[in-house]
Amino acid sequence: IISHLPPDGKLSHLMHRDAVINKEKRISSRLEIDTKKLSGPVWERVHKILHSEELKTAFLDKFKKTARTSTCSMRSCLTRDKKQYKISPHPDTLSKIITLIIYLPRDNSHEMLGTNILTTNKSRDFTLYRKLKYRKNSCIAFPVTKYSFHSVDPTPYKDEYTRHSIQCFYFDERPKN
């Protein structure tokens, strides 16, 4: 996958308050994993696997105690975060049922760019429960609840390293009342 990453110009800037510096510099971008946007046998295979019923069933089974429904659809995107990127503590929107983040580092030299899993109290003070390392062949998956807080720290590295990942979200497709 890493050797088939598209150039920056194919990705769209993420419109999120944590993805902008000085009100102008965009430091995070994404591209939906869609065979029309990302072509070639590698991306076709990635799309087929990520959007398969088998993967969906495996995650729904894994998180059956907390997943709110099995009526869901999946969206996946390639995400590229530049130097200074961070994301503040948040639990993801409750329209999401499951979040999956697949890390795509070229090597294990930037492990500190992983995701923080947080706990909180009634005062909304956050405590680090676990920091997942940004490592080759690793990922994180969790059911989305009002307590599934996570974050990414600003990069501690001085170089221009780019954090690549694939983010997948299973969305609740039940009709809204």
Protein backbone atom coordinates (compact mmCIF):
# COMPACT_ATOMS: atom_id res chain seq x y z
CA ILE A 1 0.00 0.00 0.00
CA ILE A 2 2.74 2.42 1.01
CA SER A 3 4.45 2.22 -2.37
CA HIS A 4 1.10 3.05 -4.05
CA LEU A 5 0.19 6.18 -2.07
CA PRO A 6 -1.16 8.96 -4.34
CA PRO A 7 0.44 12.42 -4.61
CA ASP A 8 -0.77 15.22 -2.33
CA GLY A 9 -2.78 16.82 -5.14
CA LYS A 10 -5.25 13.91 -5.20
CA LEU A 11 -6.28 14.41 -1.55
CA SER A 12 -8.67 17.05 -0.22
CA HIS A 13 -7.88 19.16 2.82
CA LEU A 14 -9.67 18.09 5.96
CA MET A 15 -11.98 20.84 7.21
CA HIS A 16 -11.51 20.44 10.95
CA ARG A 17 -10.35 22.93 13.55
CA ASP A 18 -7.38 20.74 14.51
CA ALA A 19 -6.32 20.37 10.87
CA VAL A 20 -5.51 24.06 10.34
CA ILE A 21 -2.61 26.15 11.65
CA ASN A 22 -2.65 29.94 11.75
CA LYS A 23 -6.09 29.99 10.07
CA GLU A 24 -4.58 29.07 6.71
CA LYS A 25 -2.11 26.19 6.64
CA ARG A 26 -3.91 22.88 6.05
CA ILE A 27 -2.04 20.00 7.66
CA SER A 28 -4.40 17.09 7.19
CA SER A 29 -5.95 15.73 4.03
CA ARG A 30 -7.92 12.71 2.93
CA LEU A 31 -9.15 10.80 -0.05
CA GLU A 32 -12.05 8.39 -0.04
CA ILE A 33 -10.96 4.87 -0.88
CA ASP A 34 -13.03 4.42 -3.98
CA THR A 35 -11.96 2.59 -7.12
CA LYS A 36 -12.81 5.70 -9.18
CA LYS A 37 -10.49 7.91 -7.09
CA LEU A 38 -7.73 5.41 -6.34
CA SER A 39 -7.13 3.08 -9.24
CA GLY A 40 -4.96 0.04 -9.74
CA PRO A 41 -4.98 -3.51 -8.44
CA VAL A 42 -3.64 -2.62 -4.98
CA TRP A 43 -6.37 -0.07 -4.23
CA GLU A 44 -9.06 -2.28 -5.78
CA ARG A 45 -8.03 -5.06 -3.41
CA VAL A 46 -7.89 -2.70 -0.42
CA HIS A 47 -11.38 -1.42 -1.26
CA LYS A 48 -12.74 -4.95 -1.70
CA ILE A 49 -11.36 -6.11 1.66
CA LEU A 50 -12.38 -3.03 3.65
CA HIS A 51 -15.91 -3.00 2.25
CA SER A 52 -16.45 -6.76 2.51
CA GLU A 53 -19.33 -8.32 4.41
CA GLU A 54 -16.79 -10.63 6.10
CA LEU A 55 -14.89 -7.73 7.67
CA LYS A 56 -18.11 -5.98 8.68
CA THR A 57 -19.43 -9.18 10.28
CA ALA A 58 -16.14 -9.75 12.12
CA PHE A 59 -16.18 -6.26 13.64
CA LEU A 60 -19.87 -6.38 14.52
CA ASP A 61 -19.30 -9.74 16.21
CA LYS A 62 -16.21 -8.47 18.03
CA PHE A 63 -18.08 -5.43 19.37
CA LYS A 64 -21.57 -6.95 19.71
CA LYS A 65 -21.89 -5.84 23.35
CA THR A 66 -21.45 -2.17 22.47
CA ALA A 67 -22.28 -1.83 18.76
CA ARG A 68 -25.71 -0.23 18.67
CA THR A 69 -26.92 -1.84 15.45
CA SER A 70 -25.85 -4.14 12.63
CA THR A 71 -27.64 -1.94 10.08
CA CYS A 72 -24.65 0.02 8.90
CA SER A 73 -22.61 1.17 5.96
CA MET A 74 -18.88 1.67 5.72
CA ARG A 75 -16.76 4.54 4.47
CA SER A 76 -13.00 4.41 4.21
CA CYS A 77 -10.43 7.05 3.41
CA LEU A 78 -6.72 7.46 3.08
CA THR A 79 -5.58 10.13 5.53
CA ARG A 80 -2.36 12.14 5.38
CA ASP A 81 -1.33 14.24 8.40
CA LYS A 82 1.59 16.65 8.09
CA LYS A 83 3.98 18.06 10.69
CA GLN A 84 2.19 19.85 13.58
CA TYR A 85 -1.02 17.83 13.13
CA LYS A 86 -2.89 16.90 16.27
CA ILE A 87 -6.44 16.04 17.14
CA SER A 88 -7.98 16.99 20.45
CA PRO A 89 -9.78 14.48 22.69
CA HIS A 90 -13.11 13.46 21.19
CA PRO A 91 -15.37 10.36 21.13
CA ASP A 92 -16.37 10.48 17.39
CA THR A 93 -19.89 11.30 16.32
CA LEU A 94 -22.56 8.85 17.46
CA SER A 95 -23.64 8.34 13.85
CA LYS A 96 -20.53 6.11 13.72
CA ILE A 97 -20.79 2.62 15.19
CA ILE A 98 -17.19 1.41 14.81
CA THR A 99 -13.94 3.21 14.02
CA LEU A 100 -10.95 1.44 12.49
CA ILE A 101 -7.59 3.14 11.91
CA ILE A 102 -4.92 1.26 9.98
CA TYR A 103 -1.44 2.75 10.36
CA LEU A 104 0.76 3.04 7.26
CA PRO A 105 4.27 4.05 8.38
CA ARG A 106 7.21 3.24 6.12
CA ASP A 107 9.16 2.09 9.19
CA ASN A 108 8.82 2.19 12.99
CA SER A 109 10.90 5.34 13.54
CA HIS A 110 7.93 7.57 14.45
CA GLU A 111 6.06 5.44 16.99
CA MET A 112 4.93 8.44 19.03
CA LEU A 113 2.46 9.42 16.28
CA GLY A 114 -0.01 6.79 17.47
CA THR A 115 -3.47 7.27 18.93
CA ASN A 116 -4.14 8.01 22.60
CA ILE A 117 -6.98 6.13 24.27
CA LEU A 118 -8.38 8.29 27.04
CA THR A 119 -10.62 8.03 30.07
CA THR A 120 -12.58 10.93 31.46
CA ASN A 121 -14.48 11.91 34.56
CA LYS A 122 -17.60 14.04 35.10
CA SER A 123 -15.46 17.20 34.91
CA ARG A 124 -14.22 16.13 31.45
CA ASP A 125 -10.64 15.83 32.65
CA PHE A 126 -8.80 13.35 30.43
CA THR A 127 -6.37 10.69 31.58
CA LEU A 128 -4.21 8.67 29.23
CA TYR A 129 -5.31 5.04 29.41
CA ARG A 130 -3.02 3.79 26.65
CA LYS A 131 -0.92 5.19 23.83
CA LEU A 132 -0.93 3.00 20.75
CA LYS A 133 2.29 3.11 18.79
CA TYR A 134 2.30 4.17 15.15
CA ARG A 135 3.89 0.97 13.85
CA LYS A 136 3.98 -1.00 10.64
CA ASN A 137 1.25 -3.63 10.27
CA SER A 138 -0.83 -2.30 13.15
CA CYS A 139 -4.27 -0.81 13.63
CA ILE A 140 -6.81 0.21 16.21
CA ALA A 141 -10.52 -0.57 16.17
CA PHE A 142 -13.13 0.40 18.73
CA PRO A 143 -16.88 0.76 19.09
CA VAL A 144 -17.99 4.37 19.15
CA THR A 145 -19.77 5.40 22.34
CA LYS A 146 -20.11 8.67 24.19
CA TYR A 147 -17.10 7.49 26.23
CA SER A 148 -14.73 6.35 23.43
CA PHE A 149 -12.39 9.34 23.77
CA HIS A 150 -9.20 9.35 21.76
CA SER A 151 -6.69 11.89 20.47
CA VAL A 152 -3.39 12.34 18.64
CA ASP A 153 -0.60 14.42 20.16
CA PRO A 154 1.23 17.03 18.11
CA THR A 155 4.28 15.47 16.51
CA PRO A 156 7.37 15.64 18.73
CA TYR A 157 9.63 15.16 15.71
CA LYS A 158 11.57 17.96 14.03
CA ASP A 159 11.53 16.40 10.56
CA GLU A 160 8.81 16.75 7.92
CA TYR A 161 7.42 13.26 8.49
CA THR A 162 3.91 12.60 7.18
CA ARG A 163 1.55 10.32 9.10
CA HIS A 164 -0.40 8.06 6.70
CA SER A 165 -3.34 5.95 7.77
CA ILE A 166 -6.52 4.42 6.47
CA GLN A 167 -9.56 5.39 8.48
CA CYS A 168 -12.70 3.30 8.24
CA PHE A 169 -16.02 4.10 9.80
CA TYR A 170 -19.14 1.99 10.06
CA PHE A 171 -22.13 4.33 10.11
CA ASP A 172 -25.56 3.70 11.61
CA GLU A 173 -27.97 3.37 8.69
CA ARG A 174 -31.17 2.99 10.71
CA PRO A 175 -33.90 5.46 9.77
CA LYS A 176 -33.97 8.51 12.02
CA ASN A 177 -37.24 9.07 13.86
